[in-house]
Amino acid sequence: MTDVYPILQHPDPRLSQPGQPVEEVNDEIRAIIKKMFATHYAQSNCAALAATQLGVPLRITVIDFSHEKNEPLCLINPEIIERSTDMLNEFEGCMSVGGRINERVKRHQCIRVRALNEAGESFEIEASDFLSRCIQHEIDHLDGILFIDHLSGLKRKMVDRKFARRTQ
């Protein structure tokens, strides 16, 4: 079985560091992606992971929120090229923030993303609703942003206290 990465936990400072663009999609990058998917599938209730959550400082994210875990999506160097004006304010959680803390975050309902696939080919994907939210959340990770960074100061302090109690 493929080994897995440990998932970094807030407040690990590496979570605040942006990932670097992948220069070339080669066998080394594909091995990282394989290990990222193995890490993802080893978690219960995990929709997606960013390489930066795993201590890998690269702009790669893996997504699969299907119940059967058979709809993998890998985005390398993703960039949002279009955003809808419609916003949704829904609950989010994060494997790097205890995995059990959920708070509302406002996100674009629909986005268009350009990325590379595992073969190094450029493609675009339109995403709406939950997939849109997942991609935006993961791109935030690649930019060194946690979902709790979107919260108001008071709400953020409450989450930080709740997180500190759970990790004691």
N, C-alpha and C. Protein backbone atom coordinates (compact mmCIF):
# COMPACT_ATOMS: atom_id res chain seq x y z
N MET A 1 0.83 -1.19 0.00
CA MET A 1 0.00 0.00 0.00
C MET A 1 0.87 1.25 0.00
N THR A 2 0.41 2.27 -0.69
CA THR A 2 1.13 3.54 -0.74
C THR A 2 1.10 4.20 0.63
N ASP A 3 2.24 4.74 1.04
CA ASP A 3 2.23 5.44 2.32
C ASP A 3 1.51 6.77 2.17
N VAL A 4 1.25 7.42 3.30
CA VAL A 4 0.48 8.65 3.29
C VAL A 4 1.27 9.77 3.96
N TYR A 5 0.88 11.00 3.64
CA TYR A 5 1.46 12.17 4.28
C TYR A 5 0.75 12.46 5.60
N PRO A 6 1.46 13.00 6.57
CA PRO A 6 0.76 13.54 7.74
C PRO A 6 0.09 14.86 7.33
N ILE A 7 -1.07 15.13 7.89
CA ILE A 7 -1.78 16.38 7.59
C ILE A 7 -1.38 17.42 8.62
N LEU A 8 -0.83 18.53 8.15
CA LEU A 8 -0.43 19.61 9.04
C LEU A 8 -1.65 20.17 9.76
N GLN A 9 -1.46 20.57 11.00
CA GLN A 9 -2.55 21.12 11.81
C GLN A 9 -2.27 22.58 12.18
N HIS A 10 -3.32 23.38 12.09
CA HIS A 10 -3.28 24.76 12.56
C HIS A 10 -2.84 24.74 14.01
N PRO A 11 -1.89 25.53 14.46
CA PRO A 11 -1.30 26.71 13.82
C PRO A 11 0.07 26.48 13.18
N ASP A 12 0.33 25.33 12.59
CA ASP A 12 1.62 25.07 11.94
C ASP A 12 1.90 26.20 10.94
N PRO A 13 3.04 26.89 11.06
CA PRO A 13 3.33 28.04 10.19
C PRO A 13 3.44 27.68 8.70
N ARG A 14 3.69 26.41 8.39
CA ARG A 14 3.79 26.02 6.97
C ARG A 14 2.45 26.16 6.26
N LEU A 15 1.34 26.14 7.02
CA LEU A 15 0.02 26.32 6.41
C LEU A 15 -0.18 27.74 5.89
N SER A 16 0.63 28.68 6.37
CA SER A 16 0.52 30.08 5.93
C SER A 16 1.44 30.39 4.76
N GLN A 17 2.20 29.42 4.32
CA GLN A 17 3.14 29.63 3.21
C GLN A 17 2.49 29.24 1.89
N PRO A 18 2.54 30.12 0.89
CA PRO A 18 1.97 29.76 -0.41
C PRO A 18 2.78 28.65 -1.08
N GLY A 19 2.09 27.84 -1.86
CA GLY A 19 2.76 26.80 -2.63
C GLY A 19 3.44 27.39 -3.86
N GLN A 20 4.47 26.73 -4.30
CA GLN A 20 5.20 27.17 -5.49
C GLN A 20 4.62 26.47 -6.73
N PRO A 21 4.61 27.17 -7.87
CA PRO A 21 4.10 26.53 -9.09
C PRO A 21 4.92 25.30 -9.46
N VAL A 22 4.24 24.32 -10.01
CA VAL A 22 4.91 23.13 -10.53
C VAL A 22 5.49 23.51 -11.89
N GLU A 23 6.79 23.35 -12.05
CA GLU A 23 7.45 23.74 -13.30
C GLU A 23 7.25 22.71 -14.40
N GLU A 24 7.28 21.42 -14.01
CA GLU A 24 7.15 20.34 -15.00
C GLU A 24 6.42 19.17 -14.33
N VAL A 25 5.41 18.66 -15.01
CA VAL A 25 4.70 17.49 -14.50
C VAL A 25 5.47 16.25 -14.96
N ASN A 26 6.18 15.63 -14.02
CA ASN A 26 7.02 14.48 -14.33
C ASN A 26 6.68 13.34 -13.37
N ASP A 27 7.47 12.28 -13.40
CA ASP A 27 7.19 11.12 -12.54
C ASP A 27 7.25 11.47 -11.05
N GLU A 28 8.13 12.38 -10.68
CA GLU A 28 8.22 12.80 -9.27
C GLU A 28 6.91 13.48 -8.84
N ILE A 29 6.39 14.35 -9.68
CA ILE A 29 5.13 15.04 -9.38
C ILE A 29 3.98 14.03 -9.34
N ARG A 30 3.96 13.11 -10.29
CA ARG A 30 2.89 12.09 -10.30
C ARG A 30 2.95 11.21 -9.05
N ALA A 31 4.15 10.94 -8.54
CA ALA A 31 4.29 10.16 -7.30
C ALA A 31 3.73 10.95 -6.11
N ILE A 32 3.98 12.25 -6.09
CA ILE A 32 3.41 13.11 -5.04
C ILE A 32 1.89 13.08 -5.11
N ILE A 33 1.34 13.19 -6.33
CA ILE A 33 -0.12 13.17 -6.51
C ILE A 33 -0.70 11.84 -6.03
N LYS A 34 -0.04 10.74 -6.37
CA LYS A 34 -0.51 9.42 -5.94
C LYS A 34 -0.55 9.34 -4.42
N LYS A 35 0.49 9.83 -3.78
CA LYS A 35 0.55 9.81 -2.31
C LYS A 35 -0.48 10.77 -1.72
N MET A 36 -0.75 11.89 -2.41
CA MET A 36 -1.79 12.82 -1.94
C MET A 36 -3.16 12.15 -1.98
N PHE A 37 -3.47 11.45 -3.08
CA PHE A 37 -4.76 10.74 -3.15
C PHE A 37 -4.84 9.65 -2.09
N ALA A 38 -3.74 8.93 -1.85
CA ALA A 38 -3.75 7.90 -0.80
C ALA A 38 -4.04 8.52 0.56
N THR A 39 -3.46 9.68 0.81
CA THR A 39 -3.71 10.40 2.06
C THR A 39 -5.16 10.82 2.15
N HIS A 40 -5.68 11.37 1.06
CA HIS A 40 -7.08 11.80 0.98
C HIS A 40 -8.01 10.63 1.29
N TYR A 41 -7.82 9.51 0.60
CA TYR A 41 -8.72 8.37 0.75
C TYR A 41 -8.58 7.68 2.11
N ALA A 42 -7.47 7.91 2.80
CA ALA A 42 -7.28 7.33 4.13
C ALA A 42 -8.07 8.08 5.21
N GLN A 43 -8.59 9.25 4.85
CA GLN A 43 -9.35 10.07 5.80
C GLN A 43 -10.84 9.77 5.67
N SER A 44 -11.55 9.88 6.76
CA SER A 44 -13.00 9.81 6.66
C SER A 44 -13.51 11.24 6.53
N ASN A 45 -14.52 11.41 5.72
CA ASN A 45 -15.17 12.71 5.57
C ASN A 45 -14.21 13.79 5.06
N CYS A 46 -13.42 13.47 4.06
CA CYS A 46 -12.48 14.42 3.46
C CYS A 46 -12.86 14.61 2.00
N ALA A 47 -13.13 15.85 1.61
CA ALA A 47 -13.51 16.14 0.23
C ALA A 47 -12.30 16.44 -0.65
N ALA A 48 -11.27 17.04 -0.06
CA ALA A 48 -10.13 17.48 -0.87
C ALA A 48 -8.94 17.77 0.03
N LEU A 49 -7.76 17.78 -0.57
CA LEU A 49 -6.53 18.15 0.13
C LEU A 49 -5.64 18.95 -0.81
N ALA A 50 -4.92 19.90 -0.23
CA ALA A 50 -3.92 20.66 -0.97
C ALA A 50 -2.54 20.17 -0.54
N ALA A 51 -1.59 20.22 -1.46
CA ALA A 51 -0.24 19.77 -1.15
C ALA A 51 0.34 20.53 0.04
N THR A 52 0.01 21.81 0.15
CA THR A 52 0.54 22.62 1.25
C THR A 52 0.05 22.14 2.61
N GLN A 53 -1.10 21.48 2.66
CA GLN A 53 -1.60 20.90 3.92
C GLN A 53 -0.77 19.70 4.35
N LEU A 54 -0.01 19.16 3.42
CA LEU A 54 0.74 17.93 3.65
C LEU A 54 2.23 18.19 3.76
N GLY A 55 2.60 19.47 3.87
CA GLY A 55 4.00 19.83 3.98
C GLY A 55 4.74 19.80 2.66
N VAL A 56 4.00 19.74 1.56
CA VAL A 56 4.59 19.75 0.21
C VAL A 56 4.30 21.13 -0.38
N PRO A 57 5.31 21.98 -0.52
CA PRO A 57 5.07 23.38 -0.89
C PRO A 57 4.87 23.59 -2.40
N LEU A 58 3.92 22.86 -2.97
CA LEU A 58 3.63 22.95 -4.40
C LEU A 58 2.16 23.25 -4.62
N ARG A 59 1.83 23.81 -5.79
CA ARG A 59 0.46 24.19 -6.13
C ARG A 59 -0.26 23.00 -6.78
N ILE A 60 -0.63 22.05 -5.93
CA ILE A 60 -1.35 20.85 -6.37
C ILE A 60 -2.49 20.61 -5.39
N THR A 61 -3.66 20.25 -5.91
CA THR A 61 -4.76 19.85 -5.05
C THR A 61 -5.43 18.62 -5.62
N VAL A 62 -5.92 17.77 -4.74
CA VAL A 62 -6.67 16.58 -5.15
C VAL A 62 -8.06 16.65 -4.52
N ILE A 63 -9.06 16.28 -5.32
CA ILE A 63 -10.46 16.38 -4.89
C ILE A 63 -11.18 15.10 -5.27
N ASP A 64 -11.99 14.60 -4.36
CA ASP A 64 -12.92 13.51 -4.66
C ASP A 64 -13.90 13.42 -3.51
N PHE A 65 -15.10 13.93 -3.72
CA PHE A 65 -16.10 13.86 -2.65
C PHE A 65 -17.19 12.86 -2.97
N SER A 66 -16.94 11.98 -3.95
CA SER A 66 -17.90 10.92 -4.26
C SER A 66 -17.90 9.90 -3.11
N HIS A 67 -19.05 9.30 -2.86
CA HIS A 67 -19.14 8.30 -1.79
C HIS A 67 -18.28 7.08 -2.09
N GLU A 68 -18.15 6.73 -3.36
CA GLU A 68 -17.37 5.55 -3.76
C GLU A 68 -15.88 5.86 -3.89
N LYS A 69 -15.51 7.14 -3.76
CA LYS A 69 -14.11 7.56 -3.94
C LYS A 69 -13.57 7.11 -5.29
N ASN A 70 -14.36 7.37 -6.33
CA ASN A 70 -13.96 6.95 -7.67
C ASN A 70 -14.09 8.07 -8.70
N GLU A 71 -14.08 9.32 -8.24
CA GLU A 71 -14.15 10.47 -9.14
C GLU A 71 -13.00 11.44 -8.83
N PRO A 72 -11.76 10.97 -8.96
CA PRO A 72 -10.62 11.83 -8.60
C PRO A 72 -10.44 12.98 -9.57
N LEU A 73 -10.13 14.14 -9.02
CA LEU A 73 -9.81 15.33 -9.80
C LEU A 73 -8.53 15.91 -9.22
N CYS A 74 -7.54 16.08 -10.08
CA CYS A 74 -6.27 16.69 -9.67
C CYS A 74 -6.11 18.00 -10.42
N LEU A 75 -5.79 19.05 -9.69
CA LEU A 75 -5.55 20.36 -10.28
C LEU A 75 -4.13 20.78 -9.94
N ILE A 76 -3.32 20.98 -10.96
CA ILE A 76 -1.94 21.43 -10.79
C ILE A 76 -1.87 22.88 -11.27
N ASN A 77 -1.30 23.74 -10.44
CA ASN A 77 -1.22 25.18 -10.73
C ASN A 77 -2.59 25.78 -11.06
N PRO A 78 -3.62 25.49 -10.26
CA PRO A 78 -4.95 26.00 -10.60
C PRO A 78 -5.04 27.51 -10.44
N GLU A 79 -5.80 28.12 -11.34
CA GLU A 79 -6.08 29.55 -11.21
C GLU A 79 -7.53 29.79 -11.60
N ILE A 80 -8.20 30.59 -10.82
CA ILE A 80 -9.59 30.95 -11.13
C ILE A 80 -9.56 32.03 -12.19
N ILE A 81 -10.22 31.77 -13.33
CA ILE A 81 -10.22 32.73 -14.43
C ILE A 81 -11.56 33.44 -14.59
N GLU A 82 -12.61 32.90 -13.98
CA GLU A 82 -13.92 33.55 -13.97
C GLU A 82 -14.61 33.23 -12.65
N ARG A 83 -15.38 34.22 -12.17
CA ARG A 83 -16.16 34.05 -10.94
C ARG A 83 -17.56 34.60 -11.15
N SER A 84 -18.55 33.91 -10.65
CA SER A 84 -19.91 34.44 -10.70
C SER A 84 -20.04 35.55 -9.66
N THR A 85 -21.02 36.41 -9.86
CA THR A 85 -21.29 37.43 -8.85
C THR A 85 -22.15 36.85 -7.73
N ASP A 86 -22.84 35.74 -8.01
CA ASP A 86 -23.65 35.09 -6.99
C ASP A 86 -22.75 34.44 -5.95
N MET A 87 -23.09 34.67 -4.70
CA MET A 87 -22.29 34.14 -3.60
C MET A 87 -23.15 33.20 -2.75
N LEU A 88 -22.49 32.22 -2.15
CA LEU A 88 -23.14 31.32 -1.20
C LEU A 88 -22.41 31.41 0.13
N ASN A 89 -23.15 31.41 1.21
CA ASN A 89 -22.58 31.48 2.55
C ASN A 89 -22.90 30.16 3.25
N GLU A 90 -21.99 29.19 3.11
CA GLU A 90 -22.23 27.83 3.60
C GLU A 90 -21.16 27.44 4.62
N PHE A 91 -21.44 26.35 5.33
CA PHE A 91 -20.48 25.83 6.30
C PHE A 91 -19.32 25.15 5.60
N GLU A 92 -18.13 25.34 6.16
CA GLU A 92 -16.92 24.66 5.70
C GLU A 92 -16.19 24.10 6.91
N GLY A 93 -15.44 23.06 6.65
CA GLY A 93 -14.54 22.50 7.64
C GLY A 93 -13.20 22.28 6.97
N CYS A 94 -12.25 21.76 7.70
CA CYS A 94 -10.92 21.57 7.14
C CYS A 94 -10.15 20.53 7.94
N MET A 95 -9.49 19.63 7.23
CA MET A 95 -8.68 18.60 7.88
C MET A 95 -7.52 19.21 8.67
N SER A 96 -7.08 20.42 8.31
CA SER A 96 -5.98 21.08 9.01
C SER A 96 -6.45 21.94 10.18
N VAL A 97 -7.76 22.01 10.37
CA VAL A 97 -8.32 22.77 11.50
C VAL A 97 -9.17 21.80 12.32
N GLY A 98 -8.55 20.70 12.68
CA GLY A 98 -9.21 19.74 13.55
C GLY A 98 -10.18 18.80 12.88
N GLY A 99 -10.63 19.15 11.65
CA GLY A 99 -11.55 18.29 10.93
C GLY A 99 -12.96 18.28 11.46
N ARG A 100 -13.21 18.94 12.61
CA ARG A 100 -14.55 18.93 13.18
C ARG A 100 -15.06 20.33 13.50
N ILE A 101 -14.35 21.34 13.10
CA ILE A 101 -14.79 22.72 13.30
C ILE A 101 -15.36 23.21 11.99
N ASN A 102 -16.61 23.64 12.02
CA ASN A 102 -17.30 24.10 10.81
C ASN A 102 -17.84 25.50 11.05
N GLU A 103 -17.59 26.38 10.09
CA GLU A 103 -18.09 27.75 10.16
C GLU A 103 -18.50 28.18 8.76
N ARG A 104 -19.39 29.17 8.70
CA ARG A 104 -19.86 29.69 7.42
C ARG A 104 -18.79 30.56 6.76
N VAL A 105 -18.60 30.33 5.45
CA VAL A 105 -17.67 31.12 4.64
C VAL A 105 -18.39 31.48 3.35
N LYS A 106 -18.26 32.74 2.95
CA LYS A 106 -18.88 33.20 1.71
C LYS A 106 -17.94 32.89 0.54
N ARG A 107 -18.49 32.21 -0.47
CA ARG A 107 -17.72 31.83 -1.67
C ARG A 107 -18.56 32.10 -2.92
N HIS A 108 -17.88 32.22 -4.06
CA HIS A 108 -18.57 32.36 -5.34
C HIS A 108 -19.31 31.07 -5.66
N GLN A 109 -20.55 31.19 -6.12
CA GLN A 109 -21.34 30.00 -6.43
C GLN A 109 -20.76 29.23 -7.61
N CYS A 110 -20.27 29.96 -8.63
CA CYS A 110 -19.72 29.32 -9.83
C CYS A 110 -18.36 29.93 -10.14
N ILE A 111 -17.46 29.08 -10.61
CA ILE A 111 -16.13 29.55 -11.04
C ILE A 111 -15.71 28.76 -12.27
N ARG A 112 -14.76 29.33 -13.00
CA ARG A 112 -14.07 28.62 -14.08
C ARG A 112 -12.59 28.63 -13.70
N VAL A 113 -11.98 27.45 -13.79
CA VAL A 113 -10.59 27.27 -13.36
C VAL A 113 -9.77 26.72 -14.50
N ARG A 114 -8.56 27.24 -14.64
CA ARG A 114 -7.57 26.69 -15.57
C ARG A 114 -6.49 26.01 -14.74
N ALA A 115 -6.09 24.81 -15.16
CA ALA A 115 -5.08 24.05 -14.42
C ALA A 115 -4.39 23.08 -15.38
N LEU A 116 -3.42 22.37 -14.85
CA LEU A 116 -2.80 21.27 -15.57
C LEU A 116 -3.31 19.97 -14.97
N ASN A 117 -3.40 18.93 -15.81
CA ASN A 117 -3.76 17.60 -15.30
C ASN A 117 -2.48 16.80 -15.04
N GLU A 118 -2.63 15.54 -14.68
CA GLU A 118 -1.48 14.71 -14.33
C GLU A 118 -0.57 14.39 -15.52
N ALA A 119 -1.06 14.65 -16.73
CA ALA A 119 -0.23 14.48 -17.92
C ALA A 119 0.48 15.78 -18.30
N GLY A 120 0.23 16.84 -17.53
CA GLY A 120 0.84 18.14 -17.82
C GLY A 120 0.08 18.95 -18.85
N GLU A 121 -1.13 18.51 -19.19
CA GLU A 121 -1.95 19.20 -20.20
C GLU A 121 -2.83 20.24 -19.53
N SER A 122 -2.93 21.40 -20.16
CA SER A 122 -3.79 22.46 -19.65
C SER A 122 -5.25 22.13 -19.95
N PHE A 123 -6.12 22.42 -18.99
CA PHE A 123 -7.56 22.23 -19.20
C PHE A 123 -8.30 23.27 -18.38
N GLU A 124 -9.58 23.43 -18.69
CA GLU A 124 -10.44 24.32 -17.92
C GLU A 124 -11.62 23.52 -17.41
N ILE A 125 -12.10 23.91 -16.25
CA ILE A 125 -13.26 23.25 -15.66
C ILE A 125 -14.19 24.32 -15.10
N GLU A 126 -15.48 24.14 -15.34
CA GLU A 126 -16.49 24.99 -14.71
C GLU A 126 -16.99 24.24 -13.49
N ALA A 127 -17.11 24.95 -12.40
CA ALA A 127 -17.56 24.32 -11.16
C ALA A 127 -18.62 25.19 -10.51
N SER A 128 -19.59 24.53 -9.91
CA SER A 128 -20.63 25.26 -9.18
C SER A 128 -20.89 24.57 -7.85
N ASP A 129 -21.53 25.32 -6.98
CA ASP A 129 -21.98 24.81 -5.69
C ASP A 129 -20.84 24.15 -4.91
N PHE A 130 -20.98 22.87 -4.52
CA PHE A 130 -20.00 22.27 -3.62
C PHE A 130 -18.62 22.12 -4.27
N LEU A 131 -18.57 21.74 -5.55
CA LEU A 131 -17.27 21.63 -6.22
C LEU A 131 -16.59 22.99 -6.29
N SER A 132 -17.36 24.03 -6.59
CA SER A 132 -16.81 25.39 -6.61
C SER A 132 -16.23 25.75 -5.25
N ARG A 133 -16.98 25.44 -4.20
CA ARG A 133 -16.53 25.72 -2.83
C ARG A 133 -15.24 24.95 -2.52
N CYS A 134 -15.19 23.67 -2.88
CA CYS A 134 -13.99 22.86 -2.63
C CYS A 134 -12.77 23.45 -3.32
N ILE A 135 -12.93 23.79 -4.59
CA ILE A 135 -11.80 24.32 -5.35
C ILE A 135 -11.33 25.64 -4.75
N GLN A 136 -12.25 26.53 -4.42
CA GLN A 136 -11.86 27.81 -3.83
C GLN A 136 -11.15 27.60 -2.49
N HIS A 137 -11.65 26.68 -1.69
CA HIS A 137 -11.04 26.36 -0.39
C HIS A 137 -9.61 25.85 -0.60
N GLU A 138 -9.43 24.95 -1.57
CA GLU A 138 -8.10 24.38 -1.81
C GLU A 138 -7.14 25.41 -2.41
N ILE A 139 -7.62 26.25 -3.30
CA ILE A 139 -6.76 27.32 -3.84
C ILE A 139 -6.35 28.26 -2.72
N ASP A 140 -7.25 28.53 -1.78
CA ASP A 140 -6.85 29.31 -0.61
C ASP A 140 -5.67 28.65 0.10
N HIS A 141 -5.75 27.34 0.31
CA HIS A 141 -4.61 26.63 0.94
C HIS A 141 -3.34 26.87 0.14
N LEU A 142 -3.42 26.78 -1.17
CA LEU A 142 -2.24 26.96 -2.01
C LEU A 142 -1.69 28.38 -1.92
N ASP A 143 -2.55 29.31 -1.48
CA ASP A 143 -2.14 30.71 -1.27
C ASP A 143 -1.78 30.99 0.19
N GLY A 144 -1.77 29.96 1.03
CA GLY A 144 -1.42 30.14 2.44
C GLY A 144 -2.56 30.67 3.30
N ILE A 145 -3.80 30.44 2.87
CA ILE A 145 -4.98 30.94 3.56
C ILE A 145 -5.82 29.77 4.06
N LEU A 146 -6.21 29.81 5.33
CA LEU A 146 -7.14 28.83 5.89
C LEU A 146 -8.55 29.40 5.85
N PHE A 147 -9.55 28.53 5.86
CA PHE A 147 -10.92 29.02 5.82
C PHE A 147 -11.23 29.90 7.03
N ILE A 148 -10.59 29.66 8.15
CA ILE A 148 -10.83 30.48 9.33
C ILE A 148 -10.27 31.89 9.17
N ASP A 149 -9.38 32.09 8.21
CA ASP A 149 -8.86 33.43 7.93
C ASP A 149 -9.94 34.33 7.33
N HIS A 150 -11.02 33.75 6.82
CA HIS A 150 -12.13 34.52 6.26
C HIS A 150 -13.11 34.98 7.33
N LEU A 151 -12.97 34.50 8.55
CA LEU A 151 -13.92 34.82 9.60
C LEU A 151 -13.64 36.19 10.21
N SER A 152 -14.67 36.79 10.79
CA SER A 152 -14.49 38.06 11.50
C SER A 152 -13.56 37.84 12.69
N GLY A 153 -13.00 38.92 13.21
CA GLY A 153 -12.06 38.82 14.32
C GLY A 153 -12.61 38.08 15.52
N LEU A 154 -13.83 38.42 15.92
CA LEU A 154 -14.44 37.78 17.08
C LEU A 154 -14.70 36.30 16.82
N LYS A 155 -15.25 36.00 15.66
CA LYS A 155 -15.54 34.61 15.30
C LYS A 155 -14.24 33.80 15.24
N ARG A 156 -13.19 34.41 14.69
CA ARG A 156 -11.89 33.74 14.59
C ARG A 156 -11.33 33.42 15.98
N LYS A 157 -11.45 34.36 16.90
CA LYS A 157 -10.97 34.12 18.27
C LYS A 157 -11.74 32.96 18.91
N MET A 158 -13.05 32.91 18.67
CA MET A 158 -13.86 31.82 19.22
C MET A 158 -13.41 30.47 18.65
N VAL A 159 -13.15 30.43 17.34
CA VAL A 159 -12.69 29.20 16.70
C VAL A 159 -11.32 28.80 17.23
N ASP A 160 -10.41 29.78 17.37
CA ASP A 160 -9.08 29.48 17.89
C ASP A 160 -9.16 28.90 19.30
N ARG A 161 -10.04 29.45 20.14
CA ARG A 161 -10.20 28.91 21.50
C ARG A 161 -10.77 27.50 21.46
N LYS A 162 -11.77 27.29 20.60
CA LYS A 162 -12.38 25.96 20.46
C LYS A 162 -11.33 24.96 19.98
N PHE A 163 -10.51 25.37 19.02
CA PHE A 163 -9.47 24.49 18.49
C PHE A 163 -8.44 24.18 19.57
N ALA A 164 -8.05 25.19 20.34
CA ALA A 164 -7.06 24.98 21.39
C ALA A 164 -7.57 23.98 22.43
N ARG A 165 -8.87 24.07 22.79
CA ARG A 165 -9.44 23.13 23.75
C ARG A 165 -9.43 21.70 23.20
N ARG A 166 -9.71 21.55 21.92
CA ARG A 166 -9.77 20.20 21.32
C ARG A 166 -8.41 19.56 21.18
N THR A 167 -7.37 20.37 21.11
CA THR A 167 -6.03 19.82 20.89
C THR A 167 -5.25 19.67 22.19
N GLN A 168 -5.86 20.01 23.32
CA GLN A 168 -5.16 19.88 24.61
C GLN A 168 -5.22 18.46 25.10
